[in-house]
Amino acid sequence: MRTIYIRKLRFEEARIKLERELHEAFMDGESYVEILHGIGEGILRRMAIDYVETCGFLKLVETDPMFRSNPGATIVEILAPSKEYINRLKS
């Protein structure tokens, strides 16, 4: 599982990094991604969740704070074709 670290970044930097790395994970055929946003005031967490909800190829896995293993991270499922299919498209 790939981890995307946006903790301690400014809002705009975090948004750009999140977009880029989620799209890279999609193209690499990843199934799950952990977004490490930290706890703080919840601004980066809210931004990450809002972004995931706007993308048709992403699905939130851990949304209930009572069942999250790490409150400073959000797990996202990537609804993408298999790695083999993507590799065929790349070549």
Protein backbone atom coordinates (compact mmCIF):
# COMPACT_ATOMS: atom_id res chain seq x y z
CA MET A 1 0.00 0.00 0.00
CA ARG A 2 1.38 3.37 -1.02
CA THR A 3 1.46 6.17 1.56
CA ILE A 4 1.01 9.81 0.58
CA TYR A 5 2.46 12.22 3.14
CA ILE A 6 0.79 15.62 3.12
CA ARG A 7 1.31 16.28 6.82
CA LYS A 8 2.82 19.69 7.70
CA LEU A 9 2.34 20.98 4.14
CA ARG A 10 0.48 24.15 3.30
CA PHE A 11 -3.05 23.62 1.97
CA GLU A 12 -2.30 24.29 -1.71
CA GLU A 13 0.94 22.27 -1.68
CA ALA A 14 -0.88 19.38 -0.03
CA ARG A 15 -3.72 19.47 -2.58
CA ILE A 16 -1.34 19.45 -5.55
CA LYS A 17 0.77 16.62 -4.08
CA LEU A 18 -2.35 14.60 -3.23
CA GLU A 19 -3.75 14.93 -6.76
CA ARG A 20 -0.46 14.03 -8.42
CA GLU A 21 0.29 11.03 -6.22
CA LEU A 22 -3.25 9.62 -6.39
CA HIS A 23 -3.14 9.77 -10.17
CA GLU A 24 0.30 8.11 -10.14
CA ALA A 25 -1.04 5.36 -7.86
CA PHE A 26 -3.95 4.86 -10.26
CA MET A 27 -1.59 4.54 -13.23
CA ASP A 28 0.66 2.15 -11.28
CA GLY A 29 -2.32 -0.13 -10.59
CA GLU A 30 -2.34 0.33 -6.81
CA SER A 31 -5.42 -0.94 -4.95
CA TYR A 32 -5.17 1.05 -1.73
CA VAL A 33 -3.49 4.27 -0.65
CA GLU A 34 -2.99 5.67 2.83
CA ILE A 35 -3.15 9.46 3.01
CA LEU A 36 -1.16 10.64 6.02
CA HIS A 37 -2.56 14.09 6.85
CA GLY A 38 -2.02 14.33 10.59
CA ILE A 39 -4.56 15.36 13.21
CA GLY A 40 -4.18 19.09 13.88
CA GLU A 41 -7.24 21.19 13.10
CA GLY A 42 -8.50 18.73 10.48
CA ILE A 43 -8.05 21.05 7.49
CA LEU A 44 -5.86 18.66 5.45
CA ARG A 45 -8.07 15.72 6.40
CA ARG A 46 -11.18 17.55 5.18
CA MET A 47 -9.41 18.58 1.96
CA ALA A 48 -8.31 14.98 1.31
CA ILE A 49 -11.79 13.58 1.92
CA ASP A 50 -13.41 16.26 -0.24
CA TYR A 51 -10.99 15.50 -3.08
CA VAL A 52 -11.55 11.74 -2.83
CA GLU A 53 -15.32 12.24 -2.92
CA THR A 54 -15.07 14.23 -6.17
CA CYS A 55 -13.05 11.53 -7.98
CA GLY A 56 -14.98 8.71 -9.58
CA PHE A 57 -12.08 6.26 -9.31
CA LEU A 58 -11.57 6.66 -5.53
CA LYS A 59 -13.53 5.34 -2.56
CA LEU A 60 -13.06 6.11 1.13
CA VAL A 61 -12.43 2.98 3.20
CA GLU A 62 -12.10 4.28 6.75
CA THR A 63 -14.53 7.09 7.44
CA ASP A 64 -15.74 6.37 10.98
CA PRO A 65 -13.27 7.81 13.54
CA MET A 66 -14.18 5.06 16.02
CA PHE A 67 -12.83 2.33 13.71
CA ARG A 68 -9.79 4.07 12.23
CA SER A 69 -6.48 2.52 13.20
CA ASN A 70 -4.70 5.89 12.84
CA PRO A 71 -6.74 9.08 13.31
CA GLY A 72 -4.07 11.02 11.38
CA ALA A 73 -4.53 8.93 8.24
CA THR A 74 -7.27 8.13 5.74
CA ILE A 75 -7.37 4.90 3.72
CA VAL A 76 -8.59 5.17 0.13
CA GLU A 77 -9.45 2.37 -2.30
CA ILE A 78 -8.56 2.96 -5.93
CA LEU A 79 -11.20 1.55 -8.23
CA ALA A 80 -8.93 0.86 -11.18
CA PRO A 81 -8.17 -1.88 -13.66
CA SER A 82 -5.49 -4.45 -12.84
CA LYS A 83 -1.76 -3.70 -13.06
CA GLU A 84 -1.49 -5.96 -16.11
CA TYR A 85 -4.18 -4.03 -17.99
CA ILE A 86 -2.58 -0.67 -17.19
CA ASN A 87 0.86 -1.96 -18.26
CA ARG A 88 -0.62 -3.00 -21.59
CA LEU A 89 -2.04 0.51 -22.03
CA LYS A 90 1.32 2.12 -21.18
CA SER A 91 3.24 0.11 -23.80
